[in-house]
Amino acid sequence: KQYTSYASSTSVLQRYHCSIMSSSSIPPLHVLRGILRHLKTKCPSSKEGGSNSMRNFVMNQYRTSLQASPQEMDGLRATAFNYYKLVSDVSERGRLHELDGGAENKLSPKEMSRRAAARAGLSLPVEHNA
């Protein structure tokens, strides 16, 4: 019983380590710039004339991470990378949702089915009219 709990905890640690490894392959400045770009364009509190509290928080966290131990730095880098990926993926989802908005009113059910199958890498069978 102890062996299975050890094996499951090992796989959790391996997944965590893999997420850190993927975040360490991207330069921290790239992630920082991506987060700041998001704050500048998408967050109303970060626009000119508004409060820059989020931008200041991010910059303070970055400056603090420069003085952290290597283990803490890896954790902070992974957190920043995960946030950066979340923000970019949510933005992409919103963009795709806008493109697909109203499709049910513009397209026939057959065309919607064909497009859904194509997104999944499939094709609908050809109908033969007798």
Protein backbone atom coordinates (compact mmCIF):
# COMPACT_ATOMS: atom_id res chain seq x y z
CA LYS A 1 0.00 0.00 0.00
CA GLN A 2 2.84 2.38 0.75
CA TYR A 3 4.40 1.57 -2.62
CA THR A 4 1.31 2.72 -4.57
CA SER A 5 1.08 5.99 -2.64
CA TYR A 6 4.77 6.55 -3.31
CA ALA A 7 4.24 5.87 -7.02
CA SER A 8 1.32 8.28 -7.25
CA SER A 9 3.21 11.01 -5.39
CA THR A 10 6.19 10.43 -7.67
CA SER A 11 4.04 10.96 -10.77
CA VAL A 12 2.69 14.21 -9.31
CA LEU A 13 6.24 15.40 -8.67
CA GLN A 14 7.26 14.41 -12.20
CA ARG A 15 4.35 16.38 -13.69
CA TYR A 16 5.27 19.38 -11.54
CA HIS A 17 8.89 19.07 -12.60
CA CYS A 18 7.86 18.88 -16.27
CA SER A 19 5.82 22.07 -15.92
CA ILE A 20 8.83 23.80 -14.40
CA MET A 21 11.05 22.51 -17.17
CA SER A 22 8.72 23.86 -19.85
CA SER A 23 8.58 27.23 -18.13
CA SER A 24 12.35 27.38 -17.79
CA SER A 25 12.82 27.02 -21.54
CA ILE A 26 11.11 30.38 -22.15
CA PRO A 27 13.13 33.43 -21.12
CA PRO A 28 11.69 35.19 -18.05
CA LEU A 29 11.77 38.56 -19.82
CA HIS A 30 9.57 37.14 -22.59
CA VAL A 31 7.00 36.04 -20.01
CA LEU A 32 7.24 39.36 -18.15
CA ARG A 33 6.72 41.35 -21.35
CA GLY A 34 3.76 39.17 -22.31
CA ILE A 35 2.08 39.74 -18.94
CA LEU A 36 2.74 43.49 -19.08
CA ARG A 37 1.42 43.64 -22.65
CA HIS A 38 -1.77 41.93 -21.52
CA LEU A 39 -2.16 44.35 -18.63
CA LYS A 40 -1.62 47.32 -20.92
CA THR A 41 -4.14 46.25 -23.56
CA LYS A 42 -6.80 44.32 -21.68
CA CYS A 43 -6.97 45.61 -18.11
CA PRO A 44 -8.69 48.97 -17.65
CA SER A 45 -6.87 49.63 -14.38
CA SER A 46 -3.51 49.54 -16.17
CA LYS A 47 -4.32 52.03 -18.93
CA GLU A 48 -2.88 55.51 -18.91
CA GLY A 49 -4.51 57.77 -16.37
CA GLY A 50 -5.59 54.77 -14.31
CA SER A 51 -4.05 53.01 -11.37
CA ASN A 52 -1.00 50.92 -12.21
CA SER A 53 -1.33 48.67 -9.18
CA MET A 54 -1.30 45.41 -11.18
CA ARG A 55 1.66 46.52 -13.27
CA ASN A 56 3.52 47.60 -10.12
CA PHE A 57 2.71 44.26 -8.45
CA VAL A 58 4.06 42.30 -11.42
CA MET A 59 7.23 44.41 -11.59
CA ASN A 60 7.80 44.06 -7.83
CA GLN A 61 7.37 40.29 -8.05
CA TYR A 62 9.88 40.17 -10.91
CA ARG A 63 12.41 42.26 -8.99
CA THR A 64 11.93 40.13 -5.87
CA SER A 65 12.46 36.95 -7.87
CA LEU A 66 15.89 38.16 -8.97
CA GLN A 67 17.07 37.87 -5.36
CA ALA A 68 15.34 34.56 -4.61
CA SER A 69 17.03 31.21 -4.18
CA PRO A 70 17.18 28.98 -7.27
CA GLN A 71 14.34 26.77 -5.98
CA GLU A 72 12.11 29.77 -5.22
CA MET A 73 13.03 31.27 -8.58
CA ASP A 74 11.92 28.10 -10.37
CA GLY A 75 8.58 28.18 -8.56
CA LEU A 76 8.03 31.86 -9.30
CA ARG A 77 9.03 31.35 -12.93
CA ALA A 78 6.60 28.45 -13.26
CA THR A 79 3.80 30.53 -11.72
CA ALA A 80 4.49 33.44 -14.08
CA PHE A 81 4.66 31.12 -17.09
CA ASN A 82 1.39 29.40 -16.14
CA TYR A 83 -0.32 32.79 -15.73
CA TYR A 84 1.09 33.96 -19.08
CA LYS A 85 -0.21 30.82 -20.82
CA LEU A 86 -3.61 31.16 -19.12
CA VAL A 87 -3.94 34.77 -20.23
CA SER A 88 -2.89 34.03 -23.80
CA ASP A 89 -5.15 30.98 -24.05
CA VAL A 90 -8.18 32.84 -22.66
CA SER A 91 -7.54 35.69 -25.09
CA GLU A 92 -7.35 33.23 -27.98
CA ARG A 93 -10.54 31.53 -26.84
CA GLY A 94 -12.33 34.89 -26.76
CA ARG A 95 -11.08 35.73 -30.24
CA LEU A 96 -12.26 32.38 -31.59
CA HIS A 97 -15.61 32.77 -29.86
CA GLU A 98 -16.11 36.15 -31.57
CA LEU A 99 -15.31 34.58 -34.95
CA ASP A 100 -17.81 31.79 -34.38
CA GLY A 101 -20.51 34.05 -32.88
CA GLY A 102 -23.82 33.89 -34.70
CA ALA A 103 -22.83 30.88 -36.81
CA GLU A 104 -26.07 29.12 -35.86
CA ASN A 105 -28.01 31.96 -37.50
CA LYS A 106 -25.85 32.18 -40.65
CA LEU A 107 -25.09 28.55 -41.42
CA SER A 108 -27.27 25.54 -42.10
CA PRO A 109 -27.18 22.64 -39.63
CA LYS A 110 -25.42 20.54 -42.26
CA GLU A 111 -22.66 23.15 -42.72
CA MET A 112 -22.25 23.52 -38.94
CA SER A 113 -21.84 19.74 -38.66
CA ARG A 114 -19.30 19.71 -41.47
CA ARG A 115 -17.25 22.47 -39.81
CA ALA A 116 -17.39 20.79 -36.40
CA ALA A 117 -16.16 17.54 -37.96
CA ALA A 118 -13.38 19.39 -39.78
CA ARG A 119 -12.20 21.00 -36.51
CA ALA A 120 -11.87 17.49 -35.07
CA GLY A 121 -9.98 16.29 -38.16
CA LEU A 122 -12.91 14.29 -39.53
CA SER A 123 -15.10 14.52 -42.59
CA LEU A 124 -18.78 13.80 -42.92
CA PRO A 125 -19.85 10.90 -45.14
CA VAL A 126 -21.04 11.80 -48.62
CA GLU A 127 -24.81 11.62 -49.00
CA HIS A 128 -26.19 9.93 -52.10
CA ASN A 129 -29.62 11.07 -53.18
CA ALA A 130 -31.61 8.26 -54.74
